[in-house]
């Protein structure tokens, strides 16, 4: 999930059933070698979705900002927005 900049903790918290299903599919994966090679090169090979049973879910999650990893810049911006101005 890191390769896709996804926060697995948020996915597990918000969608525990889907997260468990993702884990189950990974554990029973028949393309483990291909996946490990893909992870090694940050899935530069766009064909990973042809063998990954979780591809559709992972792609969907990357389009949802609440499942994306927060960068220090976005955290700073978010905390600035949510912090009341001092008089």
Protein backbone atom coordinates (compact mmCIF):
# COMPACT_ATOMS: atom_id res chain seq x y z
CA UNK A 1 0.00 0.00 0.00
CA UNK A 2 2.96 2.29 0.58
CA UNK A 3 3.87 2.00 -3.09
CA UNK A 4 0.46 3.43 -3.91
CA UNK A 5 0.77 6.10 -1.17
CA UNK A 6 -2.13 4.56 0.73
CA UNK A 7 -2.54 4.70 4.50
CA UNK A 8 -3.34 1.12 5.45
CA UNK A 9 -4.27 2.21 8.97
CA UNK A 10 -6.99 4.50 7.64
CA UNK A 11 -8.29 1.85 5.27
CA UNK A 12 -8.38 -0.70 8.11
CA UNK A 13 -10.16 1.81 10.37
CA UNK A 14 -12.73 3.08 7.88
CA UNK A 15 -13.25 -0.08 5.79
CA UNK A 16 -12.27 -3.04 8.02
CA UNK A 17 -14.18 -5.64 5.99
CA UNK A 18 -12.61 -4.52 2.71
CA UNK A 19 -9.17 -4.35 4.35
CA UNK A 20 -9.54 -7.92 5.60
CA UNK A 21 -10.57 -9.00 2.10
CA UNK A 22 -7.50 -7.29 0.60
CA UNK A 23 -5.26 -9.13 3.06
CA UNK A 24 -6.93 -12.46 2.35
CA UNK A 25 -6.44 -12.03 -1.41
CA UNK A 26 -2.77 -11.11 -0.92
CA UNK A 27 -2.17 -14.14 1.28
CA UNK A 28 -3.66 -16.48 -1.30
CA UNK A 29 -2.04 -14.76 -4.30
CA UNK A 30 -0.64 -17.00 -7.01
CA UNK A 31 1.43 -14.13 -8.48
CA UNK A 32 3.57 -13.46 -5.43
CA UNK A 33 6.84 -13.37 -7.40
CA UNK A 34 5.44 -10.90 -9.93
CA UNK A 35 4.10 -8.77 -7.12
CA UNK A 36 7.44 -8.73 -5.28
CA UNK A 37 9.17 -7.67 -8.50
CA UNK A 38 6.53 -4.99 -8.99
CA UNK A 39 6.99 -3.71 -5.46
CA UNK A 40 10.75 -3.57 -5.99
CA UNK A 41 10.36 -1.11 -8.87
CA UNK A 42 7.33 0.79 -7.48
CA UNK A 43 5.09 -0.89 -10.03
CA UNK A 44 6.76 0.94 -12.94
CA UNK A 45 5.39 -1.92 -15.05
CA UNK A 46 1.79 -0.87 -15.59
CA UNK A 47 0.75 -4.49 -16.16
CA UNK A 48 0.55 -5.21 -12.41
CA UNK A 49 -3.18 -4.75 -12.50
CA UNK A 50 -3.44 -7.71 -14.89
CA UNK A 51 -2.27 -10.17 -12.21
CA UNK A 52 -3.21 -8.41 -8.97
CA UNK A 53 -6.57 -9.47 -7.56
CA UNK A 54 -6.60 -6.26 -5.48
CA UNK A 55 -5.82 -3.90 -8.37
CA UNK A 56 -9.33 -2.48 -8.74
CA UNK A 57 -9.63 -1.80 -5.00
CA UNK A 58 -6.16 -0.27 -4.75
CA UNK A 59 -6.83 1.99 -7.73
CA UNK A 60 -10.15 3.05 -6.22
CA UNK A 61 -8.54 3.85 -2.87
CA UNK A 62 -5.85 6.00 -4.53
CA UNK A 63 -8.63 8.22 -5.85
CA UNK A 64 -9.99 8.84 -2.35
CA UNK A 65 -7.95 11.50 -0.54
CA UNK A 66 -8.94 10.26 2.92
CA UNK A 67 -7.07 7.00 2.24
CA UNK A 68 -3.91 8.68 0.92
CA UNK A 69 -0.84 9.07 3.08
CA UNK A 70 -0.51 12.57 4.46
CA UNK A 71 2.69 14.39 3.59
CA UNK A 72 4.25 16.74 6.10
CA UNK A 73 3.29 19.65 3.81
CA UNK A 74 -0.38 18.69 3.69
CA UNK A 75 -0.42 18.07 7.44
CA UNK A 76 1.00 21.54 8.03
CA UNK A 77 -1.57 23.09 5.69
CA UNK A 78 -4.36 21.10 7.33
CA UNK A 79 -3.31 22.10 10.84
CA UNK A 80 -3.08 25.75 9.73
CA UNK A 81 -6.59 25.60 8.29
CA UNK A 82 -8.00 23.95 11.42
CA UNK A 83 -6.21 26.22 13.89
CA UNK A 84 -8.17 29.28 14.97
CA UNK A 85 -6.42 32.59 14.34
CA UNK A 86 -4.99 34.33 17.39
CA UNK A 87 -6.47 37.74 18.17
